[in-house]
C-alpha atoms as a PDB file:
ATOM      1  CA  MET A   1       0.025   0.103   0.047  1.00  0.00           C
ATOM      2  CA  MET A   2       1.378   3.406  -1.080  1.00  0.00           C
ATOM      3  CA  ASP A   3       1.937   6.033   1.546  1.00  0.00           C
ATOM      4  CA  LYS A   4      -0.530   8.885   1.027  1.00  0.00           C
ATOM      5  CA  PHE A   5       2.155  11.498   1.543  1.00  0.00           C
ATOM      6  CA  VAL A   6       4.470   9.874  -1.075  1.00  0.00           C
ATOM      7  CA  GLY A   7       1.626   9.582  -3.504  1.00  0.00           C
ATOM      8  CA  SER A   8       0.700  13.239  -3.106  1.00  0.00           C
ATOM      9  CA  MET A   9       4.302  14.346  -3.618  1.00  0.00           C
ATOM     10  CA  ALA A  10       4.620  12.148  -6.792  1.00  0.00           C
ATOM     11  CA  LEU A  11       1.416  13.397  -8.148  1.00  0.00           C
ATOM     12  CA  LEU A  12       2.484  16.973  -7.812  1.00  0.00           C
ATOM     13  CA  ARG A  13       5.721  16.247  -9.557  1.00  0.00           C
ATOM     14  CA  MET A  14       3.856  14.399 -12.342  1.00  0.00           C
ATOM     15  CA  LEU A  15       1.553  17.406 -12.785  1.00  0.00           C
ATOM     16  CA  SER A  16       4.595  19.744 -12.846  1.00  0.00           C
ATOM     17  CA  GLY A  17       6.248  17.537 -15.442  1.00  0.00           C
ATOM     18  CA  CYS A  18       3.103  17.805 -17.581  1.00  0.00           C
ATOM     19  CA  ALA A  19       2.897  21.417 -17.259  1.00  0.00           C
ATOM     20  CA  GLU A  20       6.532  21.604 -18.566  1.00  0.00           C
ATOM     21  CA  ILE A  21       5.715  19.490 -21.561  1.00  0.00           C
ATOM     22  CA  ILE A  22       2.575  21.390 -22.319  1.00  0.00           C
ATOM     23  CA  ALA A  23       4.472  24.609 -22.054  1.00  0.00           C
ATOM     24  CA  ALA A  24       7.190  23.493 -24.459  1.00  0.00           C
ATOM     25  CA  ILE A  25       4.571  22.269 -27.119  1.00  0.00           C
ATOM     26  CA  TRP A  26       2.751  25.636 -26.622  1.00  0.00           C
ATOM     27  CA  MET A  27       6.046  27.605 -27.187  1.00  0.00           C
ATOM     28  CA  LEU A  28       6.613  25.625 -30.465  1.00  0.00           C
ATOM     29  CA  LYS A  29       3.091  26.331 -31.527  1.00  0.00           C
ATOM     30  CA  LEU A  30       3.348  29.971 -30.812  1.00  0.00           C
ATOM     31  CA  ASN A  31       6.655  30.139 -32.742  1.00  0.00           C
ATOM     32  CA  GLN A  32       7.483  33.713 -31.499  1.00  0.00           C
ATOM     33  CA  VAL A  33      10.240  34.541 -29.192  1.00  0.00           C
ATOM     34  CA  ASP A  34       8.354  37.086 -27.206  1.00  0.00           C
ATOM     35  CA  LYS A  35       5.377  34.858 -26.551  1.00  0.00           C
ATOM     36  CA  ALA A  36       7.632  31.912 -25.771  1.00  0.00           C
ATOM     37  CA  LEU A  37       9.364  34.021 -23.248  1.00  0.00           C
ATOM     38  CA  ALA A  38       6.049  34.921 -21.669  1.00  0.00           C
ATOM     39  CA  VAL A  39       5.087  31.266 -21.355  1.00  0.00           C
ATOM     40  CA  ASN A  40       8.455  30.449 -19.863  1.00  0.00           C
ATOM     41  CA  SER A  41       8.235  33.332 -17.348  1.00  0.00           C
ATOM     42  CA  ALA A  42       4.804  32.024 -16.264  1.00  0.00           C
ATOM     43  CA  LEU A  43       6.199  28.497 -15.894  1.00  0.00           C
ATOM     44  CA  ALA A  44       9.160  29.831 -13.791  1.00  0.00           C
ATOM     45  CA  PHE A  45       6.441  30.488 -11.107  1.00  0.00           C
ATOM     46  CA  VAL A  46       5.235  26.840 -11.130  1.00  0.00           C
ATOM     47  CA  GLY A  47       8.559  25.321 -10.218  1.00  0.00           C
ATOM     48  CA  PRO A  48       8.960  26.986  -6.835  1.00  0.00           C
ATOM     49  CA  CYS A  49       5.381  26.572  -5.956  1.00  0.00           C
ATOM     50  CA  ILE A  50       5.731  22.775  -6.518  1.00  0.00           C
ATOM     51  CA  LEU A  51       8.978  22.789  -4.464  1.00  0.00           C
ATOM     52  CA  VAL A  52       7.175  24.333  -1.534  1.00  0.00           C
ATOM     53  CA  LEU A  53       4.108  22.096  -1.827  1.00  0.00           C
ATOM     54  CA  THR A  54       6.033  18.892  -2.045  1.00  0.00           C
ATOM     55  CA  THR A  55       8.363  19.835   0.811  1.00  0.00           C
ATOM     56  CA  GLY A  56       5.358  20.807   2.953  1.00  0.00           C
ATOM     57  CA  ILE A  57       3.631  17.547   2.196  1.00  0.00           C
ATOM     58  CA  GLY A  58       6.834  15.647   2.939  1.00  0.00           C
ATOM     59  CA  LEU A  59       7.272  17.493   6.332  1.00  0.00           C
ATOM     60  CA  ALA A  60       3.636  16.854   7.184  1.00  0.00           C
ATOM     61  CA  GLY A  61       4.291  13.153   6.599  1.00  0.00           C
ATOM     62  CA  MET A  62       7.474  13.236   8.777  1.00  0.00           C
ATOM     63  CA  ALA A  63       6.176  15.631  11.502  1.00  0.00           C
ATOM     64  CA  ASP A  64       5.798  13.029  14.052  1.00  0.00           C
ATOM     65  CA  ARG A  65       9.460  11.986  13.577  1.00  0.00           C
ATOM     66  CA  LEU A  66      11.074  15.411  13.446  1.00  0.00           C
ATOM     67  CA  SER A  67      11.672  17.951  16.195  1.00  0.00           C
ATOM     68  CA  TRP A  68      10.471  21.563  15.772  1.00  0.00           C
ATOM     69  CA  ASP A  69      14.036  22.672  15.352  1.00  0.00           C
ATOM     70  CA  LYS A  70      14.725  20.335  12.415  1.00  0.00           C
ATOM     71  CA  ILE A  71      11.452  21.435  10.793  1.00  0.00           C
ATOM     72  CA  GLY A  72      12.457  25.043  11.154  1.00  0.00           C
ATOM     73  CA  LEU A  73      15.937  24.351   9.743  1.00  0.00           C
ATOM     74  CA  ILE A  74      14.302  22.602   6.690  1.00  0.00           C
ATOM     75  CA  GLY A  75      11.963  25.538   6.277  1.00  0.00           C
ATOM     76  CA  CYS A  76      14.877  27.944   6.337  1.00  0.00           C
ATOM     77  CA  GLY A  77      16.695  25.833   3.766  1.00  0.00           C
ATOM     78  CA  VAL A  78      13.635  25.977   1.438  1.00  0.00           C
ATOM     79  CA  ALA A  79      13.391  29.773   1.955  1.00  0.00           C
ATOM     80  CA  LEU A  80      17.024  30.178   1.134  1.00  0.00           C
ATOM     81  CA  LEU A  81      16.662  28.048  -2.058  1.00  0.00           C
ATOM     82  CA  LEU A  82      13.657  30.185  -3.137  1.00  0.00           C
ATOM     83  CA  PHE A  83      15.622  33.421  -2.267  1.00  0.00           C
ATOM     84  CA  GLY A  84      18.542  32.155  -4.326  1.00  0.00           C
ATOM     85  CA  ILE A  85      16.343  31.214  -7.320  1.00  0.00           C
ATOM     86  CA  LEU A  86      14.033  34.121  -7.429  1.00  0.00           C
ATOM     87  CA  LYS A  87      16.348  37.007  -6.399  1.00  0.00           C
ATOM     88  CA  LYS A  88      17.467  38.878  -9.409  1.00  0.00           C
END
């Protein structure tokens, strides 16, 4: 029997992958750099959201085995990753 947290995390990643493929096909169909860049920019928002959601689900699944200190450290790590990725 599959763990519900692992299943949820995997489903989010599959949806994210499908969004990537759909965006790539859409870019090819649009065949214009400015429009493809707009699609890419919109997609750049999806990645960090999926990261936060899957991490949150994973932490919820492990909450009974982690101390609040460790959960806080993981949260800080995710925040730093997002800061590094999104800061321009």
